[in-house]
C-alpha atoms as a PDB file:
ATOM      1  CA  MET A   1     -29.516 180.027 225.118  1.00  0.00           C
ATOM      2  CA  VAL A   2     -29.879 182.618 222.144  1.00  0.00           C
ATOM      3  CA  ALA A   3     -26.788 182.759 220.058  1.00  0.00           C
ATOM      4  CA  GLY A   4     -25.399 184.881 217.034  1.00  0.00           C
ATOM      5  CA  PRO A   5     -25.096 182.927 213.559  1.00  0.00           C
ATOM      6  CA  LEU A   6     -22.804 180.071 213.476  1.00  0.00           C
ATOM      7  CA  LYS A   7     -19.427 180.568 211.462  1.00  0.00           C
ATOM      8  CA  GLN A   8     -19.628 179.218 207.938  1.00  0.00           C
ATOM      9  CA  LYS A   9     -18.885 175.648 208.340  1.00  0.00           C
ATOM     10  CA  GLY A  10     -17.678 175.868 211.793  1.00  0.00           C
ATOM     11  CA  ARG A  11     -16.627 173.451 214.422  1.00  0.00           C
ATOM     12  CA  VAL A  12     -19.413 171.265 215.519  1.00  0.00           C
ATOM     13  CA  ALA A  13     -19.274 168.565 218.169  1.00  0.00           C
ATOM     14  CA  VAL A  14     -21.202 165.650 217.846  1.00  0.00           C
ATOM     15  CA  LEU A  15     -22.552 164.043 221.056  1.00  0.00           C
ATOM     16  CA  LEU A  16     -23.297 160.168 220.823  1.00  0.00           C
ATOM     17  CA  GLY A  17     -23.168 157.234 222.550  1.00  0.00           C
ATOM     18  CA  GLY A  18     -24.154 157.975 226.340  1.00  0.00           C
ATOM     19  CA  TRP A  19     -24.756 155.520 229.020  1.00  0.00           C
ATOM     20  CA  SER A  20     -28.519 154.848 228.667  1.00  0.00           C
ATOM     21  CA  SER A  21     -30.026 151.648 227.079  1.00  0.00           C
ATOM     22  CA  GLU A  22     -30.293 153.399 223.924  1.00  0.00           C
ATOM     23  CA  ARG A  23     -26.485 153.857 223.397  1.00  0.00           C
ATOM     24  CA  GLU A  24     -25.934 151.546 220.396  1.00  0.00           C
ATOM     25  CA  VAL A  25     -28.771 153.302 218.683  1.00  0.00           C
ATOM     26  CA  SER A  26     -27.452 156.792 219.404  1.00  0.00           C
ATOM     27  CA  LEU A  27     -23.727 155.750 218.246  1.00  0.00           C
ATOM     28  CA  ASN A  28     -25.218 154.482 215.052  1.00  0.00           C
ATOM     29  CA  SER A  29     -27.317 157.961 214.593  1.00  0.00           C
ATOM     30  CA  GLY A  30     -24.233 160.021 215.739  1.00  0.00           C
ATOM     31  CA  LYS A  31     -22.030 158.499 213.334  1.00  0.00           C
ATOM     32  CA  ASN A  32     -24.558 158.995 210.521  1.00  0.00           C
ATOM     33  CA  VAL A  33     -24.809 162.705 211.229  1.00  0.00           C
ATOM     34  CA  ALA A  34     -21.088 163.326 211.695  1.00  0.00           C
ATOM     35  CA  LYS A  35     -20.337 161.628 208.255  1.00  0.00           C
ATOM     36  CA  VAL A  36     -22.983 164.005 206.683  1.00  0.00           C
ATOM     37  CA  LEU A  37     -21.374 167.215 208.588  1.00  0.00           C
ATOM     38  CA  ARG A  38     -18.027 166.306 207.573  1.00  0.00           C
ATOM     39  CA  GLY A  39     -19.474 165.874 203.960  1.00  0.00           C
ATOM     40  CA  LEU A  40     -20.573 169.298 204.113  1.00  0.00           C
ATOM     41  CA  GLY A  41     -17.429 170.793 205.226  1.00  0.00           C
ATOM     42  CA  TYR A  42     -17.758 171.083 208.946  1.00  0.00           C
ATOM     43  CA  GLU A  43     -14.905 170.244 211.280  1.00  0.00           C
ATOM     44  CA  ILE A  44     -16.386 167.615 213.520  1.00  0.00           C
ATOM     45  CA  ALA A  45     -15.380 165.953 216.927  1.00  0.00           C
ATOM     46  CA  GLU A  46     -17.435 163.055 217.885  1.00  0.00           C
ATOM     47  CA  ILE A  47     -17.677 163.065 221.642  1.00  0.00           C
ATOM     48  CA  ASP A  48     -18.806 159.528 223.298  1.00  0.00           C
ATOM     49  CA  VAL A  49     -20.418 160.880 226.399  1.00  0.00           C
ATOM     50  CA  GLN A  50     -19.776 159.121 229.527  1.00  0.00           C
ATOM     51  CA  LYS A  51     -21.377 159.255 232.814  1.00  0.00           C
ATOM     52  CA  ASP A  52     -18.330 161.598 233.856  1.00  0.00           C
ATOM     53  CA  LEU A  53     -18.685 165.317 233.945  1.00  0.00           C
ATOM     54  CA  ARG A  54     -15.072 166.089 233.611  1.00  0.00           C
ATOM     55  CA  HIS A  55     -14.503 163.818 230.673  1.00  0.00           C
ATOM     56  CA  PHE A  56     -17.295 165.647 228.855  1.00  0.00           C
ATOM     57  CA  THR A  57     -16.328 169.267 229.806  1.00  0.00           C
ATOM     58  CA  ASP A  58     -12.654 168.589 229.050  1.00  0.00           C
ATOM     59  CA  ALA A  59     -13.647 167.320 225.506  1.00  0.00           C
ATOM     60  CA  LEU A  60     -15.566 170.598 225.014  1.00  0.00           C
ATOM     61  CA  TYR A  61     -13.055 172.609 226.194  1.00  0.00           C
ATOM     62  CA  ASN A  62     -10.358 170.876 224.190  1.00  0.00           C
ATOM     63  CA  PHE A  63     -12.376 171.201 220.852  1.00  0.00           C
ATOM     64  CA  LYS A  64     -13.974 174.554 221.458  1.00  0.00           C
ATOM     65  CA  PRO A  65     -17.050 173.929 219.309  1.00  0.00           C
ATOM     66  CA  ASP A  66     -19.255 176.669 217.713  1.00  0.00           C
ATOM     67  CA  PHE A  67     -22.176 174.424 217.741  1.00  0.00           C
ATOM     68  CA  VAL A  68     -23.145 170.988 219.693  1.00  0.00           C
ATOM     69  CA  PHE A  69     -25.264 168.624 217.743  1.00  0.00           C
ATOM     70  CA  ASN A  70     -26.700 166.346 220.568  1.00  0.00           C
ATOM     71  CA  ILE A  71     -27.967 162.953 219.183  1.00  0.00           C
ATOM     72  CA  LEU A  72     -27.883 161.231 222.510  1.00  0.00           C
ATOM     73  CA  HIS A  73     -30.715 159.108 223.128  1.00  0.00           C
ATOM     74  CA  GLY A  74     -32.202 158.015 226.503  1.00  0.00           C
ATOM     75  CA  SER A  75     -31.390 159.029 230.287  1.00  0.00           C
ATOM     76  CA  GLY A  76     -28.731 161.447 230.539  1.00  0.00           C
ATOM     77  CA  GLY A  77     -29.046 162.756 226.794  1.00  0.00           C
ATOM     78  CA  GLU A  78     -32.441 163.843 226.277  1.00  0.00           C
ATOM     79  CA  ASP A  79     -34.011 164.337 229.421  1.00  0.00           C
ATOM     80  CA  GLY A  80     -32.595 167.681 230.304  1.00  0.00           C
ATOM     81  CA  ILE A  81     -29.045 166.722 232.077  1.00  0.00           C
ATOM     82  CA  VAL A  82     -26.876 167.117 229.063  1.00  0.00           C
ATOM     83  CA  GLN A  83     -28.777 170.297 228.098  1.00  0.00           C
ATOM     84  CA  GLY A  84     -28.105 172.051 231.521  1.00  0.00           C
ATOM     85  CA  VAL A  85     -24.332 171.175 231.171  1.00  0.00           C
ATOM     86  CA  LEU A  86     -24.468 172.781 227.627  1.00  0.00           C
ATOM     87  CA  GLU A  87     -26.576 175.796 228.906  1.00  0.00           C
ATOM     88  CA  MET A  88     -23.573 176.327 231.313  1.00  0.00           C
ATOM     89  CA  TYR A  89     -21.147 175.948 228.869  1.00  0.00           C
ATOM     90  CA  GLY A  90     -22.570 178.473 226.546  1.00  0.00           C
ATOM     91  CA  VAL A  91     -22.494 176.952 223.460  1.00  0.00           C
ATOM     92  CA  PRO A  92     -25.785 176.638 221.136  1.00  0.00           C
ATOM     93  CA  TYR A  93     -26.800 173.111 220.861  1.00  0.00           C
ATOM     94  CA  SER A  94     -29.537 171.175 218.713  1.00  0.00           C
ATOM     95  CA  GLY A  95     -32.795 170.077 220.071  1.00  0.00           C
ATOM     96  CA  SER A  96     -34.971 171.084 222.872  1.00  0.00           C
ATOM     97  CA  SER A  97     -33.886 173.298 226.133  1.00  0.00           C
ATOM     98  CA  VAL A  98     -33.645 171.778 229.334  1.00  0.00           C
ATOM     99  CA  LEU A  99     -37.477 172.405 230.172  1.00  0.00           C
ATOM    100  CA  GLY A 100     -38.636 170.777 226.781  1.00  0.00           C
ATOM    101  CA  SER A 101     -36.420 167.743 227.112  1.00  0.00           C
ATOM    102  CA  ALA A 102     -37.573 167.014 230.397  1.00  0.00           C
ATOM    103  CA  LEU A 103     -41.143 167.716 229.816  1.00  0.00           C
ATOM    104  CA  THR A 104     -41.075 165.233 226.830  1.00  0.00           C
ATOM    105  CA  PHE A 105     -38.788 162.652 228.019  1.00  0.00           C
ATOM    106  CA  ASN A 106     -41.239 161.541 230.778  1.00  0.00           C
ATOM    107  CA  LYS A 107     -44.228 160.181 229.057  1.00  0.00           C
ATOM    108  CA  SER A 108     -46.671 160.450 231.875  1.00  0.00           C
ATOM    109  CA  VAL A 109     -45.771 164.045 232.378  1.00  0.00           C
ATOM    110  CA  CYS A 110     -45.979 164.769 228.791  1.00  0.00           C
ATOM    111  CA  LYS A 111     -49.417 163.157 228.408  1.00  0.00           C
ATOM    112  CA  LYS A 112     -50.860 165.042 231.428  1.00  0.00           C
ATOM    113  CA  LEU A 113     -49.784 168.159 229.784  1.00  0.00           C
ATOM    114  CA  ALA A 114     -51.149 167.129 226.497  1.00  0.00           C
ATOM    115  CA  ARG A 115     -54.497 166.045 228.075  1.00  0.00           C
ATOM    116  CA  PHE A 116     -54.882 169.444 230.035  1.00  0.00           C
ATOM    117  CA  SER A 117     -54.356 171.007 226.602  1.00  0.00           C
ATOM    118  CA  GLY A 118     -57.278 169.111 225.091  1.00  0.00           C
ATOM    119  CA  ILE A 119     -55.321 166.649 223.256  1.00  0.00           C
ATOM    120  CA  ARG A 120     -56.808 163.072 223.216  1.00  0.00           C
ATOM    121  CA  VAL A 121     -54.590 160.562 224.832  1.00  0.00           C
ATOM    122  CA  ALA A 122     -54.935 156.754 225.416  1.00  0.00           C
ATOM    123  CA  ASP A 123     -55.957 156.099 229.291  1.00  0.00           C
ATOM    124  CA  TRP A 124     -53.183 155.196 231.424  1.00  0.00           C
ATOM    125  CA  ILE A 125     -52.188 154.730 235.231  1.00  0.00           C
ATOM    126  CA  ASP A 126     -48.812 155.323 236.789  1.00  0.00           C
ATOM    127  CA  ILE A 127     -47.217 152.710 239.052  1.00  0.00           C
ATOM    128  CA  LYS A 128     -43.802 151.831 240.494  1.00  0.00           C
ATOM    129  CA  ALA A 129     -41.753 148.955 239.090  1.00  0.00           C
ATOM    130  CA  SER A 130     -42.059 147.339 242.661  1.00  0.00           C
ATOM    131  CA  GLU A 131     -45.848 147.131 241.813  1.00  0.00           C
ATOM    132  CA  ILE A 132     -45.667 145.086 238.688  1.00  0.00           C
ATOM    133  CA  PRO A 133     -46.204 141.696 240.583  1.00  0.00           C
ATOM    134  CA  ASP A 134     -49.359 143.430 241.657  1.00  0.00           C
ATOM    135  CA  ILE A 135     -50.798 144.193 238.267  1.00  0.00           C
ATOM    136  CA  ASN A 136     -54.521 142.559 238.396  1.00  0.00           C
ATOM    137  CA  THR A 137     -54.269 141.039 241.757  1.00  0.00           C
ATOM    138  CA  LYS A 138     -56.577 141.538 244.575  1.00  0.00           C
ATOM    139  CA  SER A 139     -54.242 143.992 246.220  1.00  0.00           C
ATOM    140  CA  GLY A 140     -52.874 145.791 243.087  1.00  0.00           C
ATOM    141  CA  LYS A 141     -53.645 147.564 240.331  1.00  0.00           C
ATOM    142  CA  ASN A 142     -56.731 146.274 238.009  1.00  0.00           C
ATOM    143  CA  VAL A 143     -56.359 147.164 234.309  1.00  0.00           C
ATOM    144  CA  PRO A 144     -58.583 145.679 231.527  1.00  0.00           C
ATOM    145  CA  PHE A 145     -56.544 143.560 228.751  1.00  0.00           C
ATOM    146  CA  PRO A 146     -55.099 144.575 226.362  1.00  0.00           C
ATOM    147  CA  PHE A 147     -52.807 147.215 227.722  1.00  0.00           C
ATOM    148  CA  ILE A 148     -49.110 148.137 227.234  1.00  0.00           C
ATOM    149  CA  VAL A 149     -46.619 148.336 230.007  1.00  0.00           C
ATOM    150  CA  LYS A 150     -43.740 150.779 229.392  1.00  0.00           C
ATOM    151  CA  PRO A 151     -41.298 153.003 231.353  1.00  0.00           C
ATOM    152  CA  SER A 152     -42.174 156.530 231.721  1.00  0.00           C
ATOM    153  CA  ALA A 153     -38.759 157.485 230.767  1.00  0.00           C
ATOM    154  CA  ASN A 154     -37.150 155.661 228.156  1.00  0.00           C
ATOM    155  CA  GLY A 155     -37.309 155.359 224.237  1.00  0.00           C
ATOM    156  CA  SER A 156     -36.479 153.139 221.267  1.00  0.00           C
ATOM    157  CA  SER A 157     -39.430 150.891 222.665  1.00  0.00           C
ATOM    158  CA  VAL A 158     -36.972 149.652 225.140  1.00  0.00           C
ATOM    159  CA  GLY A 159     -38.628 147.700 228.113  1.00  0.00           C
ATOM    160  CA  VAL A 160     -42.277 148.015 226.394  1.00  0.00           C
ATOM    161  CA  TYR A 161     -44.464 144.962 226.499  1.00  0.00           C
ATOM    162  CA  LEU A 162     -47.855 144.415 225.031  1.00  0.00           C
ATOM    163  CA  ILE A 163     -50.171 142.491 227.517  1.00  0.00           C
ATOM    164  CA  PHE A 164     -52.734 140.471 225.680  1.00  0.00           C
ATOM    165  CA  GLY A 165     -53.994 138.257 228.829  1.00  0.00           C
ATOM    166  CA  GLU A 166     -52.868 136.377 231.789  1.00  0.00           C
ATOM    167  CA  ASP A 167     -49.957 134.396 229.802  1.00  0.00           C
ATOM    168  CA  ASP A 168     -48.361 137.671 228.715  1.00  0.00           C
ATOM    169  CA  LEU A 169     -48.833 139.208 232.278  1.00  0.00           C
ATOM    170  CA  SER A 170     -47.291 136.311 234.005  1.00  0.00           C
ATOM    171  CA  LYS A 171     -44.186 136.336 231.690  1.00  0.00           C
ATOM    172  CA  LEU A 172     -43.968 140.204 232.499  1.00  0.00           C
ATOM    173  CA  LYS A 173     -43.900 139.274 236.056  1.00  0.00           C
ATOM    174  CA  GLU A 174     -40.766 137.251 235.660  1.00  0.00           C
ATOM    175  CA  VAL A 175     -38.919 140.040 233.861  1.00  0.00           C
ATOM    176  CA  ASP A 176     -35.659 141.554 235.729  1.00  0.00           C
ATOM    177  CA  TRP A 177     -37.344 145.095 235.111  1.00  0.00           C
ATOM    178  CA  THR A 178     -34.113 147.435 234.607  1.00  0.00           C
ATOM    179  CA  PHE A 179     -35.926 150.398 232.992  1.00  0.00           C
ATOM    180  CA  GLY A 180     -36.223 152.624 235.950  1.00  0.00           C
ATOM    181  CA  ASP A 181     -38.707 152.866 238.842  1.00  0.00           C
ATOM    182  CA  ASP A 182     -41.537 154.747 237.254  1.00  0.00           C
ATOM    183  CA  VAL A 183     -43.946 152.535 234.952  1.00  0.00           C
ATOM    184  CA  MET A 184     -47.007 153.312 232.846  1.00  0.00           C
ATOM    185  CA  LEU A 185     -49.858 150.981 232.148  1.00  0.00           C
ATOM    186  CA  GLU A 186     -51.510 152.252 229.035  1.00  0.00           C
ATOM    187  CA  LYS A 187     -54.566 151.310 227.583  1.00  0.00           C
ATOM    188  CA  TYR A 188     -53.673 149.416 224.110  1.00  0.00           C
ATOM    189  CA  ILE A 189     -55.441 151.296 220.821  1.00  0.00           C
ATOM    190  CA  PRO A 190     -55.614 149.019 218.131  1.00  0.00           C
ATOM    191  CA  GLY A 191     -55.396 150.075 214.741  1.00  0.00           C
ATOM    192  CA  ARG A 192     -53.053 152.269 212.561  1.00  0.00           C
ATOM    193  CA  GLU A 193     -49.982 154.090 213.657  1.00  0.00           C
ATOM    194  CA  PHE A 194     -48.518 157.314 212.504  1.00  0.00           C
ATOM    195  CA  THR A 195     -45.742 159.651 213.080  1.00  0.00           C
ATOM    196  CA  VAL A 196     -45.378 163.273 212.115  1.00  0.00           C
ATOM    197  CA  MET A 197     -42.278 165.531 212.253  1.00  0.00           C
ATOM    198  CA  ALA A 198     -41.788 168.970 213.206  1.00  0.00           C
ATOM    199  CA  LEU A 199     -38.760 171.062 212.423  1.00  0.00           C
ATOM    200  CA  ASN A 200     -37.787 174.595 213.747  1.00  0.00           C
ATOM    201  CA  GLY A 201     -41.761 175.142 214.798  1.00  0.00           C
ATOM    202  CA  LYS A 202     -43.233 174.003 211.414  1.00  0.00           C
ATOM    203  CA  THR A 203     -45.062 170.567 210.674  1.00  0.00           C
ATOM    204  CA  VAL A 204     -43.097 168.944 207.668  1.00  0.00           C
ATOM    205  CA  GLY A 205     -44.953 165.619 206.899  1.00  0.00           C
ATOM    206  CA  GLY A 206     -45.718 162.335 208.166  1.00  0.00           C
ATOM    207  CA  LEU A 207     -45.480 158.597 207.623  1.00  0.00           C
ATOM    208  CA  GLU A 208     -47.901 155.719 208.549  1.00  0.00           C
ATOM    209  CA  ILE A 209     -45.758 152.960 210.155  1.00  0.00           C
ATOM    210  CA  ARG A 210     -46.701 149.243 209.275  1.00  0.00           C
ATOM    211  CA  SER A 211     -44.575 146.486 211.489  1.00  0.00           C
ATOM    212  CA  LYS A 212     -44.381 142.981 211.613  1.00  0.00           C
ATOM    213  CA  ALA A 213     -45.033 143.072 215.122  1.00  0.00           C
ATOM    214  CA  GLU A 214     -48.099 143.917 217.198  1.00  0.00           C
ATOM    215  CA  PHE A 215     -46.726 147.287 217.755  1.00  0.00           C
ATOM    216  CA  TYR A 216     -43.665 149.327 216.683  1.00  0.00           C
ATOM    217  CA  ASP A 217     -40.976 147.743 218.811  1.00  0.00           C
ATOM    218  CA  TYR A 218     -37.431 147.775 219.118  1.00  0.00           C
ATOM    219  CA  SER A 219     -36.912 145.226 216.227  1.00  0.00           C
ATOM    220  CA  SER A 220     -39.325 146.838 214.019  1.00  0.00           C
ATOM    221  CA  LYS A 221     -37.542 150.046 214.353  1.00  0.00           C
ATOM    222  CA  TYR A 222     -34.101 148.894 213.750  1.00  0.00           C
ATOM    223  CA  ASP A 223     -34.117 145.890 211.855  1.00  0.00           C
ATOM    224  CA  VAL A 224     -33.957 145.848 208.072  1.00  0.00           C
ATOM    225  CA  GLY A 225     -37.520 144.855 207.034  1.00  0.00           C
ATOM    226  CA  GLY A 226     -38.967 145.105 210.366  1.00  0.00           C
ATOM    227  CA  SER A 227     -41.466 147.895 209.418  1.00  0.00           C
ATOM    228  CA  VAL A 228     -42.530 149.631 206.073  1.00  0.00           C
ATOM    229  CA  HIS A 229     -42.601 153.471 206.242  1.00  0.00           C
ATOM    230  CA  ILE A 230     -45.557 154.945 204.127  1.00  0.00           C
ATOM    231  CA  PRO A 231     -45.255 158.511 203.209  1.00  0.00           C
ATOM    232  CA  ASN A 232     -48.551 158.668 200.897  1.00  0.00           C
ATOM    233  CA  PHE A 233     -50.883 157.074 203.338  1.00  0.00           C
ATOM    234  CA  GLU A 234     -54.346 157.088 202.698  1.00  0.00           C
ATOM    235  CA  VAL A 235     -56.540 158.613 205.509  1.00  0.00           C
ATOM    236  CA  ASP A 236     -59.481 161.062 205.590  1.00  0.00           C
ATOM    237  CA  LYS A 237     -58.222 164.584 205.136  1.00  0.00           C
ATOM    238  CA  SER A 238     -59.743 165.513 208.601  1.00  0.00           C
ATOM    239  CA  VAL A 239     -57.413 162.709 210.291  1.00  0.00           C
ATOM    240  CA  LYS A 240     -54.343 163.983 208.549  1.00  0.00           C
ATOM    241  CA  GLN A 241     -55.241 167.627 209.719  1.00  0.00           C
ATOM    242  CA  GLU A 242     -55.742 166.374 213.321  1.00  0.00           C
ATOM    243  CA  LEU A 243     -52.261 164.579 213.285  1.00  0.00           C
ATOM    244  CA  TYR A 244     -50.614 167.586 211.885  1.00  0.00           C
ATOM    245  CA  SER A 245     -52.515 170.040 214.279  1.00  0.00           C
ATOM    246  CA  VAL A 246     -51.585 167.997 217.290  1.00  0.00           C
ATOM    247  CA  THR A 247     -48.198 167.513 216.416  1.00  0.00           C
ATOM    248  CA  GLY A 248     -48.043 171.567 216.203  1.00  0.00           C
ATOM    249  CA  THR A 249     -49.865 171.892 219.549  1.00  0.00           C
ATOM    250  CA  ALA A 250     -47.534 169.349 221.388  1.00  0.00           C
ATOM    251  CA  TYR A 251     -44.362 170.759 219.910  1.00  0.00           C
ATOM    252  CA  ASP A 252     -45.571 174.259 221.307  1.00  0.00           C
ATOM    253  CA  ILE A 253     -46.899 173.156 224.619  1.00  0.00           C
ATOM    254  CA  CYS A 254     -43.872 171.077 225.454  1.00  0.00           C
ATOM    255  CA  HIS A 255     -41.395 173.866 224.662  1.00  0.00           C
ATOM    256  CA  CYS A 256     -39.829 171.833 221.829  1.00  0.00           C
ATOM    257  CA  SER A 257     -37.250 173.223 219.379  1.00  0.00           C
ATOM    258  CA  GLY A 258     -35.276 171.959 216.517  1.00  0.00           C
ATOM    259  CA  VAL A 259     -36.626 168.743 215.215  1.00  0.00           C
ATOM    260  CA  ALA A 260     -39.025 166.652 216.923  1.00  0.00           C
ATOM    261  CA  ARG A 261     -41.510 163.441 216.051  1.00  0.00           C
ATOM    262  CA  ALA A 262     -44.969 163.135 217.263  1.00  0.00           C
ATOM    263  CA  ASP A 263     -46.458 159.502 217.464  1.00  0.00           C
ATOM    264  CA  PHE A 264     -49.901 158.649 217.266  1.00  0.00           C
ATOM    265  CA  ARG A 265     -52.266 155.764 217.125  1.00  0.00           C
ATOM    266  CA  TYR A 266     -55.784 155.692 215.169  1.00  0.00           C
ATOM    267  CA  ASP A 267     -58.410 153.101 215.838  1.00  0.00           C
ATOM    268  CA  GLY A 268     -60.758 154.195 212.697  1.00  0.00           C
ATOM    269  CA  GLU A 269     -62.663 156.774 214.702  1.00  0.00           C
ATOM    270  CA  ASN A 270     -60.027 158.732 216.761  1.00  0.00           C
ATOM    271  CA  VAL A 271     -56.599 159.919 216.892  1.00  0.00           C
ATOM    272  CA  TYR A 272     -54.789 159.352 219.722  1.00  0.00           C
ATOM    273  CA  PHE A 273     -51.371 161.180 220.766  1.00  0.00           C
ATOM    274  CA  LEU A 274     -48.790 159.121 222.405  1.00  0.00           C
ATOM    275  CA  GLU A 275     -45.655 160.967 222.809  1.00  0.00           C
ATOM    276  CA  ILE A 276     -43.301 163.332 221.167  1.00  0.00           C
ATOM    277  CA  ASN A 277     -39.709 162.626 220.739  1.00  0.00           C
ATOM    278  CA  THR A 278     -37.045 165.569 220.920  1.00  0.00           C
ATOM    279  CA  GLN A 279     -34.136 163.462 220.024  1.00  0.00           C
ATOM    280  CA  PRO A 280     -35.259 161.287 217.154  1.00  0.00           C
ATOM    281  CA  GLY A 281     -32.882 159.065 215.406  1.00  0.00           C
ATOM    282  CA  MET A 282     -30.597 159.782 212.540  1.00  0.00           C
ATOM    283  CA  THR A 283     -29.731 156.293 211.280  1.00  0.00           C
ATOM    284  CA  GLU A 284     -30.675 155.181 207.645  1.00  0.00           C
ATOM    285  CA  LEU A 285     -33.584 153.342 208.994  1.00  0.00           C
ATOM    286  CA  SER A 286     -34.956 156.144 211.183  1.00  0.00           C
ATOM    287  CA  LEU A 287     -38.086 157.620 210.647  1.00  0.00           C
ATOM    288  CA  VAL A 288     -37.293 161.564 210.578  1.00  0.00           C
ATOM    289  CA  PRO A 289     -34.885 161.163 207.766  1.00  0.00           C
ATOM    290  CA  ASP A 290     -37.599 159.277 205.754  1.00  0.00           C
ATOM    291  CA  ILE A 291     -40.099 161.888 206.526  1.00  0.00           C
ATOM    292  CA  ALA A 292     -37.758 164.369 205.175  1.00  0.00           C
ATOM    293  CA  ARG A 293     -36.883 162.549 202.049  1.00  0.00           C
ATOM    294  CA  ALA A 294     -40.437 162.211 201.111  1.00  0.00           C
ATOM    295  CA  ASN A 295     -40.999 165.843 201.476  1.00  0.00           C
ATOM    296  CA  GLY A 296     -38.003 166.733 199.124  1.00  0.00           C
ATOM    297  CA  ILE A 297     -35.362 167.401 202.076  1.00  0.00           C
ATOM    298  CA  SER A 298     -32.196 165.475 201.947  1.00  0.00           C
ATOM    299  CA  ILE A 299     -30.457 164.097 204.863  1.00  0.00           C
ATOM    300  CA  GLU A 300     -27.698 166.864 204.354  1.00  0.00           C
ATOM    301  CA  ALA A 301     -30.389 169.629 203.987  1.00  0.00           C
ATOM    302  CA  LEU A 302     -32.227 168.360 207.018  1.00  0.00           C
ATOM    303  CA  ILE A 303     -29.145 168.314 209.115  1.00  0.00           C
ATOM    304  CA  GLU A 304     -27.937 171.675 208.258  1.00  0.00           C
ATOM    305  CA  ALA A 305     -31.433 172.975 208.932  1.00  0.00           C
ATOM    306  CA  ILE A 306     -30.946 171.960 212.396  1.00  0.00           C
ATOM    307  CA  VAL A 307     -27.515 173.233 212.722  1.00  0.00           C
ATOM    308  CA  GLY A 308     -28.347 176.432 211.205  1.00  0.00           C
ATOM    309  CA  ALA A 309     -31.670 177.226 213.047  1.00  0.00           C
ATOM    310  CA  GLN A 310     -29.661 178.305 216.127  1.00  0.00           C
ATOM    311  CA  GLN A 311     -32.828 177.688 218.227  1.00  0.00           C
ATOM    312  CA  ARG A 312     -30.688 177.835 221.647  1.00  0.00           C
END
C-alpha cells in the first residue's frame, strides 16, 4: 500500500511476540525497537499479536497508528498473513509486502526462484515430515552425507539439524518433529558464512559470521559469545562483489522492501545463496544492527530509516 508521509513523530504500533517458535526472539526484538522509537519521540503501542484476529484488529483500531512496525518472526508474522491484515486495515507498515513475505518465508520456493534467476544455490530436495524416517533407506530418499535438515518455513535456525553420518541421522529420526510438514534436505556447504544487509533497495554492507558450532545455530545467534561478527572480513574483491550483487538481485526478484538480510556460504571457490530474511532480528546481538553500526548507521538511524521509507 502506498501511503503519504508519516506525521512527524507520530503513533507507531510495534507488533511483537506472535505464536510461532520464534516468539521469544520477537519479544526481545520488539521491545528493543519500541525502546528506540520512544527515545526518538514517537508515541508507541506494543501489540503482542495472538492467533486471534479480533484481539489484533481491536488493538489496532483502539490505538489508531500512523505506522506499524512489524517485528514478528516466524509463522503468521513474516509469511504474509499479518501483512494481509495490515493491507486490509490500510496502514503503512515496515518490511515486505504479502507477496515478498510469502516468497521468502518458504525457503524452498525462494531457492527455486533464485536458481531460476541464475543465482547459485546448494542442491536440495523437498520431503514431507512423515518421510524423515525413510531418509537413506531402501524405500526412501537417498541423500549423501553431510547434509542439512531444515523446515521449509521457519527461522532462527529452529528445527535445523546438521547430519554428518548415520549416528546423526538416527538421532534425527527420534526427534518429535514439530516444525511444519514441509522439510528440506540441503547439501552442506563447508567453508565460511556471510550475511549481507539491504535497506530500502540498497545494499548497505555485510559481515562474516564465525560461530562456535558447526553452523550458525540458535545458540550461536542468541547466546552471548555464541558467535563473532566480523564486518571487515578479508575475501577477494570479486567474492565480495558477488555477495553484494546477489543480495540486490534476491531482494528485487523476491519483491522485498524495507530491510532484509541475505545469507551465504562460501567454500573457497563458489558463493552459495541460502535465503533472504525479510524480518531480521533487532536484538542487541542481531546481525542487522551490527552491519548498520559497522557502516556508520546507529540503531536509531536504522529504525527511523525503516519507518521513514514508507514503502507500503
